[in-house]
Amino acid sequence: MATVTDATFAEEVLAAELPVLVKFTASWCPPCRMIAPVLAEIAQEEGHRLKVVSLDVDENPSTTTAYGVLSMPTLMLFRAGEPVRSLVGARSKRRLLEELADAI
C-alpha cells in the first residue's frame, strides 16, 4: 500500500484515474493496525480497479483538516477527485468491499 502526504495528495489521489481509497491513520491507533492487512489484501486483489493509499494524520495535518477527519481509521473513497464515501473504524474485508461496492 502506497503512502501519500500533504505534498503528494493532489497528484496521487485527486488526479488519479482509478478510484482511490485513502486510509487516514496514525501510528498510535490500534484499529488502524488491525485494518492494515485487510487493506493490503484489497490493494493487491483489486489493484486493477482501485488504488489504496495511506496518509498519516499526525504528519499531514493539512489534508486531514481539509477533509474533516477526526477519528482513526477513517477510510475515504475518492472518485474523480471528489470524496464519495467515508467510513470510520476497522472492519472485515468482506464488509468493507460490500460497503464500497456501489461506489467503486
N, C-alpha and C. Protein backbone atom coordinates (compact mmCIF):
# COMPACT_ATOMS: atom_id res chain seq x y z
N MET A 1 0.85 -1.17 0.00
CA MET A 1 0.00 0.00 0.00
C MET A 1 0.90 1.24 0.00
N ALA A 2 0.63 2.14 -0.92
CA ALA A 2 1.41 3.36 -1.03
C ALA A 2 1.07 4.34 0.08
N THR A 3 1.99 5.23 0.35
CA THR A 3 1.79 6.28 1.34
C THR A 3 1.73 7.62 0.62
N VAL A 4 0.78 8.46 1.01
CA VAL A 4 0.69 9.80 0.45
C VAL A 4 0.88 10.81 1.58
N THR A 5 1.20 12.04 1.19
CA THR A 5 1.44 13.13 2.14
C THR A 5 0.64 14.35 1.70
N ASP A 6 0.70 15.40 2.52
CA ASP A 6 0.08 16.67 2.12
C ASP A 6 0.61 17.10 0.75
N ALA A 7 1.91 16.91 0.54
CA ALA A 7 2.56 17.35 -0.70
C ALA A 7 2.17 16.52 -1.92
N THR A 8 1.85 15.24 -1.73
CA THR A 8 1.56 14.37 -2.87
C THR A 8 0.08 14.02 -3.03
N PHE A 9 -0.75 14.47 -2.10
CA PHE A 9 -2.17 14.09 -2.10
C PHE A 9 -2.88 14.47 -3.39
N ALA A 10 -2.71 15.69 -3.85
CA ALA A 10 -3.42 16.14 -5.06
C ALA A 10 -3.06 15.28 -6.26
N GLU A 11 -1.77 15.00 -6.42
CA GLU A 11 -1.33 14.21 -7.57
C GLU A 11 -1.73 12.74 -7.45
N GLU A 12 -1.51 12.15 -6.27
CA GLU A 12 -1.73 10.71 -6.08
C GLU A 12 -3.19 10.32 -5.88
N VAL A 13 -3.99 11.23 -5.33
CA VAL A 13 -5.38 10.90 -5.02
C VAL A 13 -6.36 11.67 -5.91
N LEU A 14 -6.29 12.98 -5.87
CA LEU A 14 -7.28 13.79 -6.58
C LEU A 14 -7.17 13.67 -8.09
N ALA A 15 -5.96 13.49 -8.60
CA ALA A 15 -5.76 13.39 -10.04
C ALA A 15 -5.70 11.95 -10.55
N ALA A 16 -5.91 10.99 -9.69
CA ALA A 16 -5.82 9.58 -10.08
C ALA A 16 -6.95 9.19 -11.03
N GLU A 17 -6.63 8.32 -11.97
CA GLU A 17 -7.64 7.84 -12.91
C GLU A 17 -8.57 6.81 -12.27
N LEU A 18 -8.02 5.98 -11.40
CA LEU A 18 -8.82 4.98 -10.68
C LEU A 18 -9.43 5.62 -9.43
N PRO A 19 -10.51 5.03 -8.90
CA PRO A 19 -10.96 5.44 -7.58
C PRO A 19 -9.83 5.16 -6.58
N VAL A 20 -9.73 5.99 -5.53
CA VAL A 20 -8.67 5.84 -4.54
C VAL A 20 -9.29 5.74 -3.16
N LEU A 21 -8.92 4.69 -2.44
CA LEU A 21 -9.33 4.52 -1.06
C LEU A 21 -8.18 5.00 -0.18
N VAL A 22 -8.43 6.05 0.61
CA VAL A 22 -7.41 6.63 1.48
C VAL A 22 -7.68 6.19 2.91
N LYS A 23 -6.66 5.61 3.53
CA LYS A 23 -6.75 5.27 4.95
C LYS A 23 -6.06 6.40 5.71
N PHE A 24 -6.85 7.18 6.44
CA PHE A 24 -6.29 8.19 7.33
C PHE A 24 -5.95 7.45 8.62
N THR A 25 -4.67 7.47 8.98
CA THR A 25 -4.18 6.60 10.03
C THR A 25 -3.22 7.32 10.96
N ALA A 26 -2.86 6.66 12.04
CA ALA A 26 -1.86 7.18 12.99
C ALA A 26 -1.12 5.99 13.59
N SER A 27 0.15 6.19 13.90
CA SER A 27 0.97 5.10 14.43
C SER A 27 0.47 4.62 15.79
N TRP A 28 -0.20 5.47 16.54
CA TRP A 28 -0.67 5.13 17.89
C TRP A 28 -2.06 4.48 17.89
N CYS A 29 -2.64 4.22 16.72
CA CYS A 29 -4.02 3.77 16.60
C CYS A 29 -4.12 2.25 16.41
N PRO A 30 -4.55 1.49 17.44
CA PRO A 30 -4.67 0.03 17.30
C PRO A 30 -5.62 -0.42 16.18
N PRO A 31 -6.82 0.18 16.02
CA PRO A 31 -7.67 -0.26 14.92
C PRO A 31 -7.05 -0.01 13.54
N CYS A 32 -6.20 1.01 13.45
CA CYS A 32 -5.50 1.28 12.18
C CYS A 32 -4.57 0.12 11.85
N ARG A 33 -3.89 -0.40 12.86
CA ARG A 33 -3.00 -1.54 12.64
C ARG A 33 -3.81 -2.80 12.31
N MET A 34 -5.00 -2.93 12.90
CA MET A 34 -5.85 -4.09 12.64
C MET A 34 -6.33 -4.13 11.19
N ILE A 35 -6.64 -2.99 10.62
CA ILE A 35 -7.20 -2.96 9.27
C ILE A 35 -6.12 -2.94 8.19
N ALA A 36 -4.89 -2.69 8.56
CA ALA A 36 -3.79 -2.61 7.58
C ALA A 36 -3.68 -3.87 6.71
N PRO A 37 -3.70 -5.08 7.28
CA PRO A 37 -3.60 -6.28 6.42
C PRO A 37 -4.80 -6.43 5.49
N VAL A 38 -5.97 -6.03 5.94
CA VAL A 38 -7.18 -6.09 5.11
C VAL A 38 -7.00 -5.18 3.90
N LEU A 39 -6.52 -3.96 4.14
CA LEU A 39 -6.33 -3.01 3.04
C LEU A 39 -5.21 -3.46 2.10
N ALA A 40 -4.19 -4.09 2.65
CA ALA A 40 -3.11 -4.61 1.80
C ALA A 40 -3.64 -5.69 0.86
N GLU A 41 -4.51 -6.57 1.37
CA GLU A 41 -5.13 -7.61 0.53
C GLU A 41 -5.99 -6.99 -0.56
N ILE A 42 -6.79 -6.00 -0.17
CA ILE A 42 -7.66 -5.34 -1.15
C ILE A 42 -6.82 -4.64 -2.21
N ALA A 43 -5.74 -3.99 -1.80
CA ALA A 43 -4.86 -3.30 -2.75
C ALA A 43 -4.30 -4.29 -3.76
N GLN A 44 -3.92 -5.46 -3.29
CA GLN A 44 -3.34 -6.47 -4.18
C GLN A 44 -4.41 -7.08 -5.09
N GLU A 45 -5.55 -7.41 -4.54
CA GLU A 45 -6.59 -8.11 -5.30
C GLU A 45 -7.41 -7.19 -6.21
N GLU A 46 -7.59 -5.95 -5.81
CA GLU A 46 -8.45 -5.03 -6.55
C GLU A 46 -7.67 -3.92 -7.24
N GLY A 47 -6.35 -4.06 -7.32
CA GLY A 47 -5.49 -3.02 -7.88
C GLY A 47 -5.82 -2.61 -9.30
N HIS A 48 -6.49 -3.48 -10.03
CA HIS A 48 -6.87 -3.16 -11.41
C HIS A 48 -8.02 -2.15 -11.47
N ARG A 49 -8.78 -2.01 -10.34
CA ARG A 49 -9.91 -1.09 -10.36
C ARG A 49 -9.96 -0.13 -9.17
N LEU A 50 -9.00 -0.26 -8.25
CA LEU A 50 -9.00 0.57 -7.05
C LEU A 50 -7.57 0.75 -6.54
N LYS A 51 -7.21 1.99 -6.28
CA LYS A 51 -5.91 2.30 -5.69
C LYS A 51 -6.13 2.50 -4.19
N VAL A 52 -5.25 1.93 -3.36
CA VAL A 52 -5.36 2.06 -1.91
C VAL A 52 -4.09 2.73 -1.39
N VAL A 53 -4.27 3.80 -0.62
CA VAL A 53 -3.14 4.54 -0.07
C VAL A 53 -3.38 4.85 1.40
N SER A 54 -2.31 5.24 2.06
CA SER A 54 -2.36 5.55 3.48
C SER A 54 -1.81 6.96 3.71
N LEU A 55 -2.42 7.69 4.63
CA LEU A 55 -1.95 9.02 4.98
C LEU A 55 -1.89 9.13 6.50
N ASP A 56 -0.72 9.45 7.05
CA ASP A 56 -0.53 9.61 8.49
C ASP A 56 -1.07 10.97 8.91
N VAL A 57 -2.08 10.97 9.78
CA VAL A 57 -2.73 12.22 10.16
C VAL A 57 -1.83 13.14 10.98
N ASP A 58 -0.93 12.58 11.77
CA ASP A 58 -0.04 13.39 12.59
C ASP A 58 1.00 14.12 11.74
N GLU A 59 1.43 13.48 10.67
CA GLU A 59 2.46 14.06 9.81
C GLU A 59 1.88 14.91 8.68
N ASN A 60 0.57 14.83 8.47
CA ASN A 60 -0.07 15.52 7.35
C ASN A 60 -1.36 16.23 7.79
N PRO A 61 -1.22 17.25 8.63
CA PRO A 61 -2.39 17.90 9.19
C PRO A 61 -3.24 18.69 8.17
N SER A 62 -2.65 19.18 7.11
CA SER A 62 -3.42 19.98 6.14
C SER A 62 -4.51 19.15 5.47
N THR A 63 -4.15 18.00 4.95
CA THR A 63 -5.12 17.14 4.28
C THR A 63 -6.14 16.60 5.28
N THR A 64 -5.66 16.21 6.44
CA THR A 64 -6.54 15.69 7.48
C THR A 64 -7.62 16.72 7.84
N THR A 65 -7.21 17.96 8.04
CA THR A 65 -8.14 19.03 8.38
C THR A 65 -9.07 19.36 7.22
N ALA A 66 -8.53 19.39 6.02
CA ALA A 66 -9.32 19.74 4.83
C ALA A 66 -10.50 18.80 4.64
N TYR A 67 -10.36 17.55 5.03
CA TYR A 67 -11.43 16.57 4.85
C TYR A 67 -12.16 16.25 6.15
N GLY A 68 -11.91 17.02 7.20
CA GLY A 68 -12.66 16.88 8.44
C GLY A 68 -12.47 15.56 9.15
N VAL A 69 -11.30 14.97 9.02
CA VAL A 69 -11.04 13.67 9.64
C VAL A 69 -10.77 13.87 11.13
N LEU A 70 -11.58 13.22 11.96
CA LEU A 70 -11.46 13.35 13.41
C LEU A 70 -11.16 12.02 14.10
N SER A 71 -11.52 10.91 13.47
CA SER A 71 -11.34 9.59 14.07
C SER A 71 -10.50 8.71 13.17
N MET A 72 -9.74 7.81 13.78
CA MET A 72 -8.91 6.89 13.03
C MET A 72 -9.31 5.45 13.33
N PRO A 73 -9.26 4.59 12.34
CA PRO A 73 -9.00 4.92 10.94
C PRO A 73 -10.26 5.47 10.27
N THR A 74 -10.07 6.47 9.44
CA THR A 74 -11.13 6.92 8.53
C THR A 74 -10.72 6.43 7.15
N LEU A 75 -11.64 5.77 6.48
CA LEU A 75 -11.42 5.31 5.12
C LEU A 75 -12.27 6.18 4.22
N MET A 76 -11.64 6.89 3.30
CA MET A 76 -12.36 7.80 2.42
C MET A 76 -12.10 7.40 0.98
N LEU A 77 -13.17 7.17 0.25
CA LEU A 77 -13.07 6.80 -1.16
C LEU A 77 -13.23 8.05 -2.01
N PHE A 78 -12.25 8.26 -2.89
CA PHE A 78 -12.27 9.39 -3.82
C PHE A 78 -12.46 8.86 -5.22
N ARG A 79 -13.32 9.53 -5.96
CA ARG A 79 -13.52 9.20 -7.37
C ARG A 79 -13.56 10.52 -8.14
N ALA A 80 -12.74 10.62 -9.18
CA ALA A 80 -12.65 11.85 -9.98
C ALA A 80 -12.34 13.07 -9.11
N GLY A 81 -11.48 12.86 -8.12
CA GLY A 81 -11.04 13.97 -7.28
C GLY A 81 -11.98 14.39 -6.18
N GLU A 82 -13.09 13.68 -6.02
CA GLU A 82 -14.09 14.04 -5.01
C GLU A 82 -14.31 12.89 -4.03
N PRO A 83 -14.47 13.20 -2.74
CA PRO A 83 -14.80 12.13 -1.79
C PRO A 83 -16.24 11.68 -2.00
N VAL A 84 -16.42 10.37 -2.17
CA VAL A 84 -17.75 9.83 -2.43
C VAL A 84 -18.25 8.90 -1.31
N ARG A 85 -17.37 8.50 -0.44
CA ARG A 85 -17.76 7.62 0.67
C ARG A 85 -16.76 7.80 1.80
N SER A 86 -17.25 7.82 3.03
CA SER A 86 -16.38 7.91 4.20
C SER A 86 -16.85 6.91 5.24
N LEU A 87 -15.91 6.09 5.73
CA LEU A 87 -16.21 5.07 6.72
C LEU A 87 -15.22 5.22 7.88
N VAL A 88 -15.70 5.05 9.08
CA VAL A 88 -14.83 5.17 10.24
C VAL A 88 -14.76 3.84 10.97
N GLY A 89 -13.54 3.41 11.30
CA GLY A 89 -13.35 2.20 12.08
C GLY A 89 -12.90 1.01 11.25
N ALA A 90 -12.33 0.04 11.95
CA ALA A 90 -11.87 -1.19 11.31
C ALA A 90 -13.07 -2.07 10.99
N ARG A 91 -12.92 -2.86 9.94
CA ARG A 91 -13.97 -3.80 9.54
C ARG A 91 -13.33 -4.94 8.75
N SER A 92 -14.10 -5.97 8.54
CA SER A 92 -13.59 -7.12 7.78
C SER A 92 -13.48 -6.76 6.31
N LYS A 93 -12.70 -7.55 5.61
CA LYS A 93 -12.53 -7.34 4.17
C LYS A 93 -13.87 -7.45 3.45
N ARG A 94 -14.63 -8.48 3.77
CA ARG A 94 -15.93 -8.70 3.12
C ARG A 94 -16.86 -7.51 3.34
N ARG A 95 -16.94 -7.07 4.58
CA ARG A 95 -17.83 -5.94 4.90
C ARG A 95 -17.37 -4.66 4.19
N LEU A 96 -16.08 -4.41 4.20
CA LEU A 96 -15.56 -3.21 3.55
C LEU A 96 -15.86 -3.22 2.06
N LEU A 97 -15.62 -4.34 1.40
CA LEU A 97 -15.91 -4.43 -0.03
C LEU A 97 -17.40 -4.27 -0.32
N GLU A 98 -18.25 -4.81 0.57
CA GLU A 98 -19.69 -4.63 0.40
C GLU A 98 -20.06 -3.16 0.53
N GLU A 99 -19.48 -2.47 1.49
CA GLU A 99 -19.80 -1.07 1.72
C GLU A 99 -19.30 -0.15 0.60
N LEU A 100 -18.28 -0.60 -0.11
CA LEU A 100 -17.72 0.20 -1.19
C LEU A 100 -18.22 -0.20 -2.58
N ALA A 101 -18.87 -1.34 -2.68
CA ALA A 101 -19.22 -1.93 -3.97
C ALA A 101 -19.90 -0.97 -4.93
N ASP A 102 -20.88 -0.24 -4.47
CA ASP A 102 -21.63 0.64 -5.38
C ASP A 102 -20.91 1.95 -5.68
N ALA A 103 -19.81 2.21 -4.98
CA ALA A 103 -19.08 3.48 -5.17
C ALA A 103 -17.79 3.33 -5.97
N ILE A 104 -17.32 2.10 -6.15
CA ILE A 104 -16.07 1.89 -6.89
C ILE A 104 -16.33 1.97 -8.39
